[in-house]
N, C-alpha and C. Protein backbone atom coordinates (compact mmCIF):
# COMPACT_ATOMS: atom_id res chain seq x y z
N MET A 1 6.31 6.60 -18.10
CA MET A 1 5.37 7.65 -17.79
C MET A 1 4.83 7.43 -16.39
N SER A 2 4.84 8.48 -15.57
CA SER A 2 4.28 8.37 -14.24
C SER A 2 3.73 9.73 -13.81
N THR A 3 2.89 9.69 -12.80
CA THR A 3 2.30 10.91 -12.28
C THR A 3 2.07 10.75 -10.78
N HIS A 4 2.11 11.86 -10.04
CA HIS A 4 1.90 11.82 -8.60
C HIS A 4 0.49 11.30 -8.30
N PHE A 5 0.37 10.52 -7.24
CA PHE A 5 -0.90 9.91 -6.88
C PHE A 5 -1.13 9.99 -5.38
N VAL A 6 -2.35 10.36 -5.00
CA VAL A 6 -2.81 10.27 -3.61
C VAL A 6 -4.24 9.76 -3.69
N GLY A 7 -4.53 8.66 -3.02
CA GLY A 7 -5.88 8.11 -3.07
C GLY A 7 -6.23 7.33 -1.82
N GLU A 8 -7.53 7.27 -1.53
CA GLU A 8 -8.05 6.55 -0.38
C GLU A 8 -8.88 5.38 -0.89
N GLY A 9 -8.67 4.21 -0.30
CA GLY A 9 -9.43 3.05 -0.73
C GLY A 9 -9.37 1.91 0.27
N ASN A 10 -9.91 0.76 -0.14
CA ASN A 10 -9.95 -0.43 0.72
C ASN A 10 -9.09 -1.53 0.13
N ILE A 11 -8.35 -2.22 1.00
CA ILE A 11 -7.55 -3.36 0.57
C ILE A 11 -8.52 -4.50 0.25
N GLY A 12 -8.36 -5.11 -0.93
CA GLY A 12 -9.31 -6.10 -1.40
C GLY A 12 -8.92 -7.54 -1.17
N SER A 13 -7.66 -7.81 -0.83
CA SER A 13 -7.22 -9.18 -0.58
C SER A 13 -6.04 -9.14 0.38
N ALA A 14 -5.65 -10.31 0.87
CA ALA A 14 -4.52 -10.38 1.80
C ALA A 14 -3.26 -9.85 1.11
N PRO A 15 -2.41 -9.11 1.83
CA PRO A 15 -1.17 -8.60 1.24
C PRO A 15 -0.27 -9.74 0.76
N ASP A 16 0.49 -9.46 -0.29
CA ASP A 16 1.41 -10.44 -0.87
C ASP A 16 2.83 -9.93 -0.65
N PHE A 17 3.63 -10.66 0.13
CA PHE A 17 5.02 -10.27 0.42
C PHE A 17 5.96 -11.10 -0.44
N ARG A 18 6.97 -10.43 -0.99
CA ARG A 18 8.01 -11.11 -1.77
C ARG A 18 9.36 -10.53 -1.39
N GLU A 19 10.37 -11.37 -1.49
CA GLU A 19 11.74 -10.96 -1.19
C GLU A 19 12.62 -11.34 -2.37
N PHE A 20 13.51 -10.41 -2.77
CA PHE A 20 14.36 -10.63 -3.94
C PHE A 20 15.82 -10.48 -3.55
N PRO A 21 16.67 -11.46 -3.94
CA PRO A 21 18.11 -11.35 -3.64
C PRO A 21 18.68 -10.07 -4.25
N HIS A 22 19.68 -9.50 -3.58
CA HIS A 22 20.29 -8.25 -4.03
C HIS A 22 21.80 -8.34 -3.85
N GLY A 23 22.39 -9.36 -4.50
CA GLY A 23 23.84 -9.57 -4.37
C GLY A 23 24.20 -9.89 -2.94
N ASN A 24 25.27 -9.26 -2.45
CA ASN A 24 25.71 -9.47 -1.07
C ASN A 24 25.00 -8.55 -0.09
N GLU A 25 24.14 -7.69 -0.61
CA GLU A 25 23.42 -6.76 0.25
C GLU A 25 22.14 -7.41 0.77
N GLU A 26 21.49 -6.70 1.68
CA GLU A 26 20.21 -7.15 2.22
C GLU A 26 19.21 -7.31 1.06
N PRO A 27 18.38 -8.35 1.08
CA PRO A 27 17.43 -8.54 -0.02
C PRO A 27 16.44 -7.38 -0.12
N ARG A 28 15.92 -7.16 -1.32
CA ARG A 28 14.88 -6.14 -1.53
C ARG A 28 13.55 -6.78 -1.18
N ARG A 29 12.70 -6.01 -0.48
CA ARG A 29 11.43 -6.55 0.00
C ARG A 29 10.28 -5.76 -0.60
N LEU A 30 9.28 -6.50 -1.08
CA LEU A 30 8.13 -5.92 -1.75
C LEU A 30 6.84 -6.38 -1.09
N LEU A 31 5.94 -5.43 -0.85
CA LEU A 31 4.61 -5.75 -0.36
C LEU A 31 3.63 -5.28 -1.42
N ARG A 32 2.82 -6.21 -1.91
CA ARG A 32 1.81 -5.88 -2.92
C ARG A 32 0.44 -5.90 -2.27
N LEU A 33 -0.33 -4.85 -2.57
CA LEU A 33 -1.69 -4.74 -2.09
C LEU A 33 -2.60 -4.53 -3.30
N ASN A 34 -3.80 -5.06 -3.23
CA ASN A 34 -4.81 -4.82 -4.25
C ASN A 34 -5.84 -3.90 -3.61
N VAL A 35 -5.92 -2.66 -4.10
CA VAL A 35 -6.74 -1.64 -3.45
C VAL A 35 -7.85 -1.16 -4.38
N TYR A 36 -9.06 -1.03 -3.83
CA TYR A 36 -10.17 -0.45 -4.58
C TYR A 36 -10.29 1.01 -4.18
N PHE A 37 -10.00 1.91 -5.13
CA PHE A 37 -10.11 3.34 -4.91
C PHE A 37 -11.51 3.77 -5.35
N ASP A 38 -12.36 4.04 -4.36
CA ASP A 38 -13.75 4.36 -4.66
C ASP A 38 -13.92 5.87 -4.90
N ASN A 39 -15.07 6.21 -5.42
CA ASN A 39 -15.43 7.60 -5.68
C ASN A 39 -16.86 7.81 -5.19
N PRO A 40 -17.05 7.98 -3.88
CA PRO A 40 -18.41 8.13 -3.36
C PRO A 40 -19.00 9.49 -3.73
N VAL A 41 -20.17 9.46 -4.35
CA VAL A 41 -20.88 10.67 -4.77
C VAL A 41 -22.19 10.74 -3.99
N PRO A 42 -22.47 11.90 -3.37
CA PRO A 42 -23.71 12.02 -2.59
C PRO A 42 -24.95 11.86 -3.47
N THR A 43 -25.93 11.12 -2.95
CA THR A 43 -27.23 10.98 -3.59
C THR A 43 -28.29 11.26 -2.54
N LYS A 44 -29.54 11.27 -2.93
CA LYS A 44 -30.61 11.52 -1.94
C LYS A 44 -30.71 10.41 -0.90
N ASP A 45 -30.21 9.20 -1.24
CA ASP A 45 -30.27 8.06 -0.33
C ASP A 45 -28.95 7.78 0.39
N GLY A 46 -27.98 8.67 0.29
CA GLY A 46 -26.68 8.45 0.92
C GLY A 46 -25.55 8.71 -0.07
N TYR A 47 -24.79 7.67 -0.37
CA TYR A 47 -23.68 7.78 -1.32
C TYR A 47 -23.74 6.66 -2.33
N GLU A 48 -23.21 6.93 -3.52
CA GLU A 48 -23.13 5.94 -4.59
C GLU A 48 -21.72 6.01 -5.16
N ASP A 49 -21.13 4.85 -5.40
CA ASP A 49 -19.78 4.80 -5.98
C ASP A 49 -19.87 4.99 -7.49
N ARG A 50 -19.19 6.01 -7.99
CA ARG A 50 -19.17 6.27 -9.43
C ARG A 50 -17.73 6.42 -9.88
N GLY A 51 -17.28 5.51 -10.68
CA GLY A 51 -15.94 5.62 -11.26
C GLY A 51 -14.83 5.06 -10.41
N GLY A 52 -15.15 4.26 -9.41
CA GLY A 52 -14.11 3.62 -8.62
C GLY A 52 -13.38 2.58 -9.45
N TYR A 53 -12.19 2.21 -9.01
CA TYR A 53 -11.39 1.23 -9.77
C TYR A 53 -10.41 0.49 -8.85
N TRP A 54 -10.03 -0.70 -9.29
CA TRP A 54 -9.02 -1.50 -8.60
C TRP A 54 -7.65 -1.14 -9.16
N ALA A 55 -6.64 -1.09 -8.29
CA ALA A 55 -5.28 -0.86 -8.75
C ALA A 55 -4.31 -1.65 -7.88
N PRO A 56 -3.31 -2.26 -8.51
CA PRO A 56 -2.25 -2.90 -7.73
C PRO A 56 -1.36 -1.83 -7.12
N VAL A 57 -1.00 -2.01 -5.85
CA VAL A 57 -0.13 -1.08 -5.14
C VAL A 57 1.13 -1.84 -4.73
N GLU A 58 2.29 -1.29 -5.09
CA GLU A 58 3.58 -1.90 -4.72
C GLU A 58 4.30 -1.00 -3.74
N LEU A 59 4.73 -1.58 -2.62
CA LEU A 59 5.46 -0.85 -1.60
C LEU A 59 6.78 -1.57 -1.34
N TRP A 60 7.88 -0.97 -1.80
CA TRP A 60 9.22 -1.53 -1.58
C TRP A 60 9.77 -0.92 -0.30
N HIS A 61 10.05 -1.76 0.70
CA HIS A 61 10.56 -1.25 1.98
C HIS A 61 11.20 -2.39 2.76
N ARG A 62 12.22 -2.06 3.54
CA ARG A 62 12.90 -3.11 4.31
C ARG A 62 11.99 -3.75 5.35
N ASP A 63 10.92 -3.05 5.79
CA ASP A 63 9.98 -3.58 6.78
C ASP A 63 8.75 -4.24 6.16
N ALA A 64 8.78 -4.48 4.86
CA ALA A 64 7.60 -5.02 4.15
C ALA A 64 7.14 -6.36 4.74
N GLU A 65 8.07 -7.20 5.15
CA GLU A 65 7.67 -8.51 5.71
C GLU A 65 6.84 -8.32 6.98
N HIS A 66 7.25 -7.42 7.84
CA HIS A 66 6.49 -7.15 9.07
C HIS A 66 5.14 -6.52 8.74
N TRP A 67 5.14 -5.62 7.78
CA TRP A 67 3.91 -4.89 7.44
C TRP A 67 2.84 -5.79 6.85
N GLN A 68 3.24 -6.93 6.27
CA GLN A 68 2.21 -7.82 5.71
C GLN A 68 1.25 -8.32 6.77
N THR A 69 1.68 -8.32 8.03
CA THR A 69 0.78 -8.74 9.11
C THR A 69 -0.09 -7.59 9.61
N LEU A 70 0.31 -6.34 9.32
CA LEU A 70 -0.48 -5.19 9.77
C LEU A 70 -1.63 -4.88 8.81
N TYR A 71 -1.33 -4.88 7.52
CA TYR A 71 -2.36 -4.57 6.52
C TYR A 71 -3.26 -5.79 6.34
N GLN A 72 -4.58 -5.54 6.29
CA GLN A 72 -5.54 -6.64 6.20
C GLN A 72 -6.60 -6.33 5.16
N LYS A 73 -7.18 -7.40 4.62
CA LYS A 73 -8.29 -7.27 3.68
C LYS A 73 -9.41 -6.46 4.33
N GLY A 74 -9.95 -5.50 3.58
CA GLY A 74 -11.04 -4.67 4.07
C GLY A 74 -10.59 -3.39 4.74
N MET A 75 -9.30 -3.28 5.07
CA MET A 75 -8.78 -2.12 5.77
C MET A 75 -8.79 -0.89 4.86
N ARG A 76 -9.16 0.25 5.42
CA ARG A 76 -9.17 1.52 4.69
C ARG A 76 -7.77 2.12 4.77
N VAL A 77 -7.20 2.50 3.62
CA VAL A 77 -5.84 3.03 3.58
C VAL A 77 -5.77 4.30 2.72
N LEU A 78 -4.76 5.09 3.00
CA LEU A 78 -4.44 6.27 2.21
C LEU A 78 -3.10 5.99 1.54
N VAL A 79 -3.07 6.00 0.21
CA VAL A 79 -1.88 5.64 -0.55
C VAL A 79 -1.32 6.90 -1.20
N GLU A 80 0.00 7.11 -1.03
CA GLU A 80 0.68 8.23 -1.67
C GLU A 80 1.87 7.68 -2.43
N GLY A 81 2.01 8.08 -3.68
CA GLY A 81 3.11 7.59 -4.50
C GLY A 81 3.01 8.12 -5.91
N ARG A 82 3.23 7.23 -6.87
CA ARG A 82 3.11 7.63 -8.27
C ARG A 82 2.45 6.53 -9.07
N THR A 83 1.71 6.94 -10.08
CA THR A 83 1.05 6.01 -10.99
C THR A 83 2.02 5.70 -12.12
N VAL A 84 2.17 4.41 -12.44
CA VAL A 84 3.10 3.99 -13.48
C VAL A 84 2.38 3.11 -14.48
N LYS A 85 2.58 3.38 -15.75
CA LYS A 85 2.00 2.57 -16.82
C LYS A 85 2.89 1.34 -17.00
N ASP A 86 2.29 0.17 -16.96
CA ASP A 86 3.01 -1.10 -17.06
C ASP A 86 2.48 -1.85 -18.28
N GLU A 87 3.31 -2.00 -19.32
CA GLU A 87 2.91 -2.71 -20.54
C GLU A 87 3.54 -4.09 -20.55
N TRP A 88 2.76 -5.11 -20.95
CA TRP A 88 3.22 -6.49 -20.94
C TRP A 88 2.40 -7.30 -21.92
N GLU A 89 2.82 -8.56 -22.12
CA GLU A 89 2.09 -9.50 -22.99
C GLU A 89 1.54 -10.63 -22.15
N ASP A 90 0.30 -11.04 -22.45
CA ASP A 90 -0.29 -12.16 -21.72
C ASP A 90 0.18 -13.47 -22.35
N ALA A 91 -0.34 -14.59 -21.87
CA ALA A 91 0.09 -15.91 -22.33
C ALA A 91 -0.19 -16.14 -23.81
N GLU A 92 -1.20 -15.45 -24.35
CA GLU A 92 -1.53 -15.58 -25.78
C GLU A 92 -0.83 -14.52 -26.63
N GLU A 93 0.17 -13.85 -26.05
CA GLU A 93 0.96 -12.81 -26.71
C GLU A 93 0.15 -11.58 -27.11
N ASN A 94 -0.93 -11.31 -26.39
CA ASN A 94 -1.70 -10.08 -26.59
C ASN A 94 -1.07 -8.97 -25.74
N GLU A 95 -0.94 -7.78 -26.32
CA GLU A 95 -0.39 -6.66 -25.57
C GLU A 95 -1.40 -6.18 -24.54
N ARG A 96 -0.93 -5.95 -23.33
CA ARG A 96 -1.79 -5.49 -22.23
C ARG A 96 -1.16 -4.26 -21.59
N THR A 97 -2.01 -3.43 -20.99
CA THR A 97 -1.55 -2.25 -20.26
C THR A 97 -2.25 -2.22 -18.91
N THR A 98 -1.47 -1.98 -17.88
CA THR A 98 -1.99 -1.86 -16.52
C THR A 98 -1.39 -0.60 -15.91
N PHE A 99 -2.14 0.06 -15.07
CA PHE A 99 -1.60 1.16 -14.30
C PHE A 99 -1.47 0.68 -12.86
N LYS A 100 -0.27 0.80 -12.32
CA LYS A 100 -0.05 0.40 -10.93
C LYS A 100 0.42 1.61 -10.14
N ILE A 101 0.32 1.49 -8.83
CA ILE A 101 0.76 2.56 -7.94
C ILE A 101 2.04 2.10 -7.27
N GLU A 102 3.12 2.85 -7.46
CA GLU A 102 4.36 2.63 -6.72
C GLU A 102 4.29 3.54 -5.50
N ALA A 103 3.98 2.95 -4.35
CA ALA A 103 3.69 3.73 -3.14
C ALA A 103 4.96 4.16 -2.42
N ARG A 104 4.93 5.38 -1.92
CA ARG A 104 5.94 5.85 -0.98
C ARG A 104 5.45 5.62 0.44
N ARG A 105 4.13 5.75 0.60
CA ARG A 105 3.50 5.57 1.91
C ARG A 105 2.14 4.92 1.75
N VAL A 106 1.79 4.06 2.71
CA VAL A 106 0.45 3.50 2.78
C VAL A 106 0.02 3.66 4.24
N GLY A 107 -0.85 4.62 4.49
CA GLY A 107 -1.31 4.91 5.85
C GLY A 107 -2.60 4.18 6.16
N ILE A 108 -2.67 3.64 7.35
CA ILE A 108 -3.88 2.96 7.80
C ILE A 108 -4.84 4.01 8.36
N LEU A 109 -6.05 4.04 7.83
CA LEU A 109 -7.07 4.97 8.32
C LEU A 109 -7.87 4.28 9.43
N PRO A 110 -8.41 5.03 10.39
CA PRO A 110 -8.98 4.42 11.58
C PRO A 110 -10.35 3.77 11.43
N PHE A 111 -10.92 3.74 10.26
CA PHE A 111 -12.23 3.10 10.09
C PHE A 111 -12.13 1.61 10.44
N ARG A 112 -13.02 1.14 11.29
CA ARG A 112 -13.12 -0.26 11.71
C ARG A 112 -11.92 -0.77 12.52
N VAL A 113 -10.99 0.11 12.90
CA VAL A 113 -9.85 -0.30 13.72
C VAL A 113 -10.30 -0.33 15.17
N GLU A 114 -10.10 -1.47 15.85
CA GLU A 114 -10.54 -1.61 17.24
C GLU A 114 -9.50 -1.13 18.24
N SER A 115 -8.22 -1.33 17.95
CA SER A 115 -7.19 -0.89 18.88
C SER A 115 -5.86 -0.73 18.14
N VAL A 116 -4.94 -0.03 18.79
CA VAL A 116 -3.61 0.17 18.24
C VAL A 116 -2.62 -0.13 19.36
N LYS A 117 -1.58 -0.91 19.04
CA LYS A 117 -0.56 -1.24 20.02
C LYS A 117 0.79 -0.91 19.42
N LEU A 118 1.55 -0.04 20.06
CA LEU A 118 2.87 0.33 19.57
C LEU A 118 3.93 -0.60 20.14
N SER A 119 4.97 -0.85 19.35
CA SER A 119 6.10 -1.63 19.86
C SER A 119 6.94 -0.74 20.77
N ALA A 120 7.84 -1.34 21.51
CA ALA A 120 8.69 -0.59 22.41
C ALA A 120 9.58 0.36 21.61
N LYS A 121 9.85 1.52 22.19
CA LYS A 121 10.71 2.50 21.56
C LYS A 121 12.13 1.96 21.55
N PRO A 122 12.84 2.09 20.42
CA PRO A 122 14.23 1.61 20.37
C PRO A 122 15.08 2.32 21.42
N ALA A 123 16.08 1.62 21.93
CA ALA A 123 16.98 2.21 22.92
C ALA A 123 17.71 3.40 22.31
N SER A 124 17.83 4.46 23.09
CA SER A 124 18.47 5.68 22.62
C SER A 124 19.96 5.64 22.93
N THR A 125 20.75 6.25 22.08
CA THR A 125 22.19 6.37 22.33
C THR A 125 22.49 7.71 23.01
N ASP A 126 21.42 8.47 23.33
CA ASP A 126 21.56 9.75 23.99
C ASP A 126 22.04 9.51 25.43
N PRO A 127 23.15 10.17 25.85
CA PRO A 127 23.66 9.93 27.22
C PRO A 127 22.74 10.47 28.31
N ASP A 128 21.82 11.38 27.97
CA ASP A 128 20.91 11.95 28.96
C ASP A 128 19.54 11.27 28.82
N PRO A 129 19.19 10.30 29.69
CA PRO A 129 17.92 9.58 29.55
C PRO A 129 16.70 10.47 29.74
N ASP A 130 16.86 11.64 30.40
CA ASP A 130 15.73 12.55 30.62
C ASP A 130 15.52 13.50 29.46
N ALA A 131 16.31 13.36 28.38
CA ALA A 131 16.22 14.28 27.24
C ALA A 131 15.03 13.97 26.35
N THR A 132 14.41 12.81 26.47
CA THR A 132 13.30 12.46 25.59
C THR A 132 11.97 12.85 26.14
């Protein structure tokens, strides 16, 4: 069971990168984020969080290893993907249910960002260098 998901929240801990062998092909790369999706509701004194929750976010991508250095604890992100129900047993054999987000995209929002530095543009195979 899954459903489309779009949510804004804060990363709660350092990203966790993992790599998994994939036969003779390039390994599969996973970046896990723990995100708090808040629900700010206006009050007379500002805003109050009502109904916010923590959710594990999984992002499978070939650039996941590099991205673990970009995403940081406390960073505000916009997550787009799908919510998936994950059923499992704990060490005492109790049945547990968790909802996780399988992300297609995790965008960094500009709150508290001091600067942005882009890497060099990849070399073009276009024969006309003035075409870009």
